[in-house]
Amino acid sequence: MTTRRQFIMGTGAALTALGTGKMSFSQEPKKKPLVISTWRHGLASNERAWDILKQKGRAIDAVEAGVQVAEGDPKVSSVGYGGWPDREGHVTLDSCIMDEKGNAGSVAFLQNFKHPIAVARKVMDDTPHVMLVGEGARRFALAKGFKEEDLLTKEARAEWENWLKHQEYVPWAPTTNPTHDTISMLALDQAGDISGSCTTSGLAFKMHGRVGDSPIIGAALFVDNEVGAACATGVGEEVMKTVGSFLIVELMRQGMSPTEACREGVRRIIRKNPNWQDLQVGYLAMDRQGRVGAFAILPDFQYAVHDGKSNQLIDVESYSG
């Protein structure tokens, strides 16, 4: 059975802009600006974000534009166009965005719009609300000029039709065939401001109406410009139950490094879940000094980092080794 909210399995050493090898990017402060994002599809998204940052653009604009690359790529089966559908064959999208002032916007259970992150930005900028869902989010998107389109690609439909033969729902199984996951992005701009974004099509073959952590401020994403920011990828239910990204930012406020805070965020999940070996969550964080850290439950989580000199894919340490 092929599931989809899984981390890259068996990829070996991380690829970098200059070659291969396992790397650590976590403890040394980096020169501004800087952009980091989850997974291999973060490399292309980082390039788009960097085009904005290198021109002294705002971090919030960079993280919105950056993740749209993954949203629009039909080869990324866990985000936007090409995302695998729910058990009824519908591609439903969740997304959130947060700026350096604590402003936030979010959409959940949104269908037929390729770039939910752009709709979430409009919620943040043009309404007094933080989150719109379902039909309300759809009406808002139409009112703002977004065009509806069919997001179910031929490849995604084929995967769904194959799943229908057995209709076995396994939210997370690390032994099955790997796919990519949610893209989350954090950016630090030339002015020293931090923003973040997160977007996904969620678990494949999920129950119709299921929403994970990706649109939840404090779970998938949290930004505090005085401290730093954190984001998540993996099994959203576990992230929501521990309010993971908010926790990590607060731990950094108390003096932990980004890596230490991500490690403690993972430990909170493990302590509360006796079946932790059967699920994956990865955290990625950045502080105001530009130090980056990450940690995961299981191996093979990777993140991409662009500092102007290179755009690299980094292997992340995990609890289970």
Protein backbone atom coordinates (compact mmCIF):
# COMPACT_ATOMS: atom_id res chain seq x y z
CA MET A 1 0.00 0.00 0.00
CA THR A 2 1.43 3.35 -0.99
CA THR A 3 0.83 6.16 1.47
CA ARG A 4 2.06 9.67 1.14
CA ARG A 5 2.82 11.65 4.23
CA GLN A 6 6.19 9.95 4.39
CA PHE A 7 9.72 11.15 4.56
CA ILE A 8 12.31 10.45 1.90
CA MET A 9 13.56 6.93 2.58
CA GLY A 10 16.82 5.46 1.38
CA THR A 11 18.13 8.55 -0.40
CA GLY A 12 21.62 8.19 1.03
CA ALA A 13 23.86 11.19 1.56
CA ALA A 14 22.46 14.66 1.03
CA LEU A 15 23.18 16.35 -2.25
CA THR A 16 24.62 19.83 -2.10
CA ALA A 17 25.23 22.53 -4.66
CA LEU A 18 28.88 21.49 -4.80
CA GLY A 19 28.67 17.74 -4.38
CA THR A 20 27.50 15.17 -1.89
CA GLY A 21 27.99 14.47 1.76
CA LYS A 22 26.37 14.76 5.14
CA MET A 23 26.56 18.29 6.47
CA SER A 24 25.78 20.33 9.54
CA PHE A 25 24.50 23.87 9.09
CA SER A 26 23.05 24.44 12.51
CA GLN A 27 25.19 26.25 15.04
CA GLU A 28 27.09 29.02 13.26
CA PRO A 29 25.32 32.33 12.66
CA LYS A 30 24.80 33.03 8.96
CA LYS A 31 24.99 36.31 7.12
CA LYS A 32 21.61 37.76 6.22
CA PRO A 33 19.59 37.09 4.17
CA LEU A 34 18.84 33.38 4.46
CA VAL A 35 16.07 31.00 3.39
CA ILE A 36 15.45 27.40 4.50
CA SER A 37 12.75 24.91 3.55
CA THR A 38 11.81 21.27 3.97
CA TRP A 39 12.66 18.49 1.54
CA ARG A 40 14.28 18.24 -1.86
CA HIS A 41 11.52 20.28 -3.47
CA GLY A 42 12.70 23.07 -1.20
CA LEU A 43 15.74 23.58 -3.44
CA ALA A 44 13.71 25.00 -6.33
CA SER A 45 11.47 26.91 -3.95
CA ASN A 46 14.53 28.45 -2.27
CA GLU A 47 15.73 29.77 -5.62
CA ARG A 48 12.48 31.66 -6.14
CA ALA A 49 12.60 33.05 -2.60
CA TRP A 50 16.23 34.08 -3.00
CA ASP A 51 15.40 36.13 -6.09
CA ILE A 52 13.36 38.35 -3.76
CA LEU A 53 15.74 38.35 -0.79
CA LYS A 54 18.84 39.27 -2.83
CA GLN A 55 17.06 42.42 -3.99
CA LYS A 56 16.47 43.41 -0.34
CA GLY A 57 12.86 42.21 -0.55
CA ARG A 58 10.78 41.31 2.48
CA ALA A 59 10.89 37.84 3.99
CA ILE A 60 7.08 37.59 3.82
CA ASP A 61 7.12 38.07 0.05
CA ALA A 62 9.93 35.56 -0.31
CA VAL A 63 8.19 32.77 1.61
CA GLU A 64 4.93 33.32 -0.26
CA ALA A 65 6.56 33.23 -3.69
CA GLY A 66 8.98 30.46 -2.80
CA VAL A 67 6.52 27.73 -1.86
CA GLN A 68 4.42 28.48 -4.94
CA VAL A 69 7.10 26.67 -6.94
CA ALA A 70 6.25 23.41 -5.15
CA GLU A 71 2.51 24.17 -5.29
CA GLY A 72 2.66 24.49 -9.07
CA ASP A 73 4.87 21.46 -9.76
CA PRO A 74 2.80 18.40 -10.76
CA LYS A 75 5.73 16.13 -9.86
CA VAL A 76 5.42 17.06 -6.17
CA SER A 77 2.70 14.66 -5.04
CA SER A 78 2.13 16.20 -1.62
CA VAL A 79 1.62 19.89 -2.42
CA GLY A 80 -0.84 21.81 -4.60
CA TYR A 81 -1.27 20.80 -8.24
CA GLY A 82 -0.50 17.09 -8.53
CA GLY A 83 -1.13 16.41 -4.86
CA TRP A 84 -2.68 13.04 -4.16
CA PRO A 85 -6.41 13.19 -3.36
CA ASP A 86 -8.52 12.12 -0.42
CA ARG A 87 -10.41 8.82 -0.41
CA GLU A 88 -13.21 10.40 -2.48
CA GLY A 89 -10.85 11.61 -5.19
CA HIS A 90 -10.74 15.30 -4.19
CA VAL A 91 -7.50 17.26 -3.86
CA THR A 92 -7.91 19.40 -0.73
CA LEU A 93 -5.28 21.93 0.28
CA ASP A 94 -4.14 23.51 3.57
CA SER A 95 -1.78 26.45 3.95
CA CYS A 96 -0.64 29.20 6.31
CA ILE A 97 1.68 32.20 6.34
CA MET A 98 3.02 34.45 9.11
CA ASP A 99 5.06 37.67 9.04
CA GLU A 100 7.51 39.43 11.33
CA LYS A 101 4.77 41.40 13.10
CA GLY A 102 2.80 38.31 14.10
CA ASN A 103 0.19 38.76 11.38
CA ALA A 104 -1.05 35.45 10.02
CA GLY A 105 -3.36 34.02 7.40
CA SER A 106 -4.57 30.50 6.78
CA VAL A 107 -6.85 28.41 4.57
CA ALA A 108 -7.96 24.83 5.13
CA PHE A 109 -9.93 22.27 3.12
CA LEU A 110 -9.60 24.47 0.03
CA GLN A 111 -10.27 22.87 -3.34
CA ASN A 112 -9.58 23.86 -6.96
CA PHE A 113 -7.02 26.61 -6.35
CA LYS A 114 -3.41 25.88 -7.28
CA HIS A 115 -1.82 28.35 -4.87
CA PRO A 116 -3.47 28.21 -1.44
CA ILE A 117 -0.52 30.14 0.04
CA ALA A 118 -1.54 33.17 -2.02
CA VAL A 119 -5.10 32.88 -0.72
CA ALA A 120 -3.77 32.61 2.85
CA ARG A 121 -1.75 35.80 2.27
CA LYS A 122 -4.93 37.57 1.19
CA VAL A 123 -6.69 36.37 4.35
CA MET A 124 -3.83 37.88 6.35
CA ASP A 125 -3.68 41.16 4.44
CA ASP A 126 -7.31 41.82 3.55
CA THR A 127 -9.43 40.46 6.41
CA PRO A 128 -9.58 40.76 10.21
CA HIS A 129 -9.45 36.95 10.42
CA VAL A 130 -6.69 34.37 10.53
CA MET A 131 -8.36 31.28 9.02
CA LEU A 132 -10.98 30.58 6.37
CA VAL A 133 -12.04 27.03 5.50
CA GLY A 134 -13.96 25.04 2.92
CA GLU A 135 -16.70 26.82 1.03
CA GLY A 136 -15.99 30.09 2.82
CA ALA A 137 -12.37 29.99 1.70
CA ARG A 138 -13.50 29.16 -1.83
CA ARG A 139 -15.85 32.13 -2.02
CA PHE A 140 -13.17 34.41 -0.64
CA ALA A 141 -10.64 33.19 -3.22
CA LEU A 142 -13.08 33.81 -6.07
CA ALA A 143 -13.87 37.28 -4.74
CA LYS A 144 -10.15 38.04 -4.76
CA GLY A 145 -9.80 37.02 -8.40
CA PHE A 146 -8.29 33.56 -8.06
CA LYS A 147 -9.36 31.11 -10.78
CA GLU A 148 -10.62 27.60 -10.11
CA GLU A 149 -8.98 24.69 -11.91
CA ASP A 150 -8.85 20.92 -11.70
CA LEU A 151 -5.84 19.92 -9.58
CA LEU A 152 -6.15 16.14 -10.00
CA THR A 153 -3.45 15.13 -12.46
CA LYS A 154 -3.48 11.91 -14.48
CA GLU A 155 -0.77 10.46 -12.25
CA ALA A 156 -2.58 11.32 -9.03
CA ARG A 157 -5.84 9.89 -10.38
CA ALA A 158 -4.05 6.64 -11.24
CA GLU A 159 -2.70 6.37 -7.69
CA TRP A 160 -6.17 6.96 -6.28
CA GLU A 161 -7.80 4.41 -8.59
CA ASN A 162 -5.19 1.86 -7.56
CA TRP A 163 -5.89 2.63 -3.89
CA LEU A 164 -9.62 2.09 -4.47
CA LYS A 165 -8.95 -1.57 -5.24
CA HIS A 166 -8.07 -2.20 -1.58
CA GLN A 167 -9.16 0.97 0.23
CA GLU A 168 -6.69 0.41 3.02
CA TYR A 169 -6.01 3.60 4.97
CA VAL A 170 -2.62 3.72 6.68
CA PRO A 171 -1.76 7.34 7.58
CA TRP A 172 1.91 6.60 8.14
CA ALA A 173 3.95 3.51 7.40
CA PRO A 174 7.72 3.99 7.10
CA THR A 175 8.24 0.68 5.29
CA THR A 176 6.14 1.62 2.26
CA ASN A 177 7.29 3.43 -0.85
CA PRO A 178 8.58 6.94 -0.06
CA THR A 179 7.21 10.27 -1.27
CA HIS A 180 7.91 13.85 -0.41
CA ASP A 181 5.93 15.76 2.18
CA THR A 182 4.68 19.19 3.17
CA ILE A 183 6.86 22.15 2.21
CA SER A 184 7.50 24.62 5.01
CA MET A 185 9.76 27.65 4.51
CA LEU A 186 11.43 30.22 6.79
CA ALA A 187 13.27 33.33 5.60
CA LEU A 188 15.42 36.02 7.23
CA ASP A 189 15.68 39.19 5.13
CA GLN A 190 18.26 41.95 4.91
CA ALA A 191 16.36 44.03 7.46
CA GLY A 192 16.61 41.21 9.99
CA ASP A 193 12.93 40.28 9.80
CA ILE A 194 11.68 36.68 9.74
CA SER A 195 8.59 35.19 8.07
CA GLY A 196 7.34 31.69 7.32
CA SER A 197 4.96 29.69 5.17
CA CYS A 198 3.60 26.15 4.95
CA THR A 199 1.51 24.43 2.29
CA THR A 200 0.34 20.89 1.53
CA SER A 201 -2.30 18.64 0.04
CA GLY A 202 -2.18 16.54 3.21
CA LEU A 203 -2.34 12.81 3.69
CA ALA A 204 -3.22 10.82 0.61
CA PHE A 205 -6.58 9.02 0.73
CA LYS A 206 -7.47 10.77 3.99
CA MET A 207 -11.08 11.08 5.13
CA HIS A 208 -12.88 13.81 3.24
CA GLY A 209 -12.65 16.93 5.39
CA ARG A 210 -9.50 15.96 7.28
CA VAL A 211 -7.22 18.89 8.07
CA GLY A 212 -3.70 18.46 9.40
CA ASP A 213 -1.27 20.81 11.06
CA SER A 214 -0.28 22.75 7.94
CA PRO A 215 -2.82 25.58 8.26
CA ILE A 216 -2.55 25.80 12.06
CA ILE A 217 -0.53 28.75 13.39
CA GLY A 218 1.54 27.46 16.31
CA ALA A 219 1.52 23.88 15.06
CA ALA A 220 2.99 23.79 11.54
CA LEU A 221 4.43 27.28 11.75
CA PHE A 222 5.22 30.01 14.25
CA VAL A 223 7.21 33.23 13.93
CA ASP A 224 8.33 35.57 16.70
CA ASN A 225 10.63 38.24 15.33
CA GLU A 226 12.25 38.77 18.74
CA VAL A 227 13.34 35.13 18.90
CA GLY A 228 13.09 33.21 15.64
CA ALA A 229 10.76 30.84 13.82
CA ALA A 230 9.99 27.14 13.50
CA CYS A 231 8.07 24.92 11.13
CA ALA A 232 7.08 21.29 10.84
CA THR A 233 6.61 18.44 8.42
CA GLY A 234 5.30 14.92 8.97
CA VAL A 235 2.25 13.45 10.67
CA GLY A 236 0.18 16.53 11.36
CA GLU A 237 -1.92 15.07 14.14
CA GLU A 238 1.17 14.64 16.31
CA VAL A 239 2.35 18.18 15.60
CA MET A 240 -1.05 19.63 16.50
CA LYS A 241 -1.28 17.74 19.78
CA THR A 242 2.00 19.22 20.98
CA VAL A 243 1.69 22.66 19.30
CA GLY A 244 5.15 21.91 18.01
CA SER A 245 6.34 25.06 16.26
CA PHE A 246 5.20 27.38 19.03
CA LEU A 247 6.92 25.12 21.56
CA ILE A 248 10.21 25.27 19.67
CA VAL A 249 10.16 29.07 19.43
CA GLU A 250 9.46 29.32 23.16
CA LEU A 251 12.33 26.96 23.92
CA MET A 252 14.63 29.18 21.86
CA ARG A 253 13.35 32.17 23.85
CA GLN A 254 14.49 30.35 26.99
CA GLY A 255 17.99 29.98 25.59
CA MET A 256 18.05 26.75 23.61
CA SER A 257 19.73 26.68 20.22
CA PRO A 258 17.51 25.87 17.21
CA THR A 259 18.81 22.30 17.14
CA GLU A 260 18.27 21.77 20.87
CA ALA A 261 14.75 23.17 20.64
CA CYS A 262 13.86 20.94 17.67
CA ARG A 263 15.22 17.93 19.53
CA GLU A 264 13.06 18.70 22.56
CA GLY A 265 10.02 19.17 20.31
CA VAL A 266 10.55 15.67 18.96
CA ARG A 267 11.02 14.26 22.45
CA ARG A 268 7.67 15.70 23.54
CA ILE A 269 5.98 13.61 20.84
CA ILE A 270 7.94 10.49 21.68
CA ARG A 271 7.18 10.71 25.39
CA LYS A 272 3.46 10.92 24.71
CA ASN A 273 3.19 8.33 21.93
CA PRO A 274 4.23 4.71 22.61
CA ASN A 275 4.00 4.00 18.87
CA TRP A 276 6.46 6.72 17.88
CA GLN A 277 8.53 4.25 15.83
CA ASP A 278 5.66 4.09 13.33
CA LEU A 279 5.45 7.80 12.54
CA GLN A 280 7.62 10.65 11.39
CA VAL A 281 7.76 14.29 12.38
CA GLY A 282 10.58 16.67 11.50
CA TYR A 283 11.14 20.19 12.80
CA LEU A 284 13.15 23.00 11.26
CA ALA A 285 14.00 26.25 13.06
CA MET A 286 15.91 29.49 12.67
CA ASP A 287 16.81 32.12 15.27
CA ARG A 288 17.34 35.85 14.83
CA GLN A 289 21.09 35.39 14.44
CA GLY A 290 20.54 33.13 11.44
CA ARG A 291 21.46 29.91 13.24
CA VAL A 292 19.55 26.95 11.78
CA GLY A 293 18.62 23.67 13.44
CA ALA A 294 16.53 20.61 12.70
CA PHE A 295 15.65 17.25 14.21
CA ALA A 296 13.35 14.35 13.32
CA ILE A 297 11.90 11.19 14.83
CA LEU A 298 13.09 8.87 12.05
CA PRO A 299 16.02 9.11 9.60
CA ASP A 300 16.04 10.62 6.13
CA PHE A 301 14.48 13.99 6.83
CA GLN A 302 16.24 16.68 4.78
CA TYR A 303 16.02 20.44 4.44
CA ALA A 304 17.29 22.92 1.86
CA VAL A 305 19.22 26.08 2.78
CA HIS A 306 20.16 29.03 0.54
CA ASP A 307 22.58 31.66 1.87
CA GLY A 308 23.56 33.31 -1.41
CA LYS A 309 26.71 31.25 -1.82
CA SER A 310 25.00 27.90 -2.35
CA ASN A 311 21.65 26.16 -2.22
CA GLN A 312 22.21 22.94 -0.33
CA LEU A 313 20.27 19.88 0.78
CA ILE A 314 21.10 18.87 4.35
CA ASP A 315 20.64 15.50 6.07
CA VAL A 316 19.06 15.83 9.52
CA GLU A 317 19.89 13.93 12.69
CA SER A 318 17.05 11.77 14.07
CA TYR A 319 16.03 10.27 17.39
CA SER A 320 16.13 6.72 16.05
CA GLY A 321 19.45 7.22 14.34
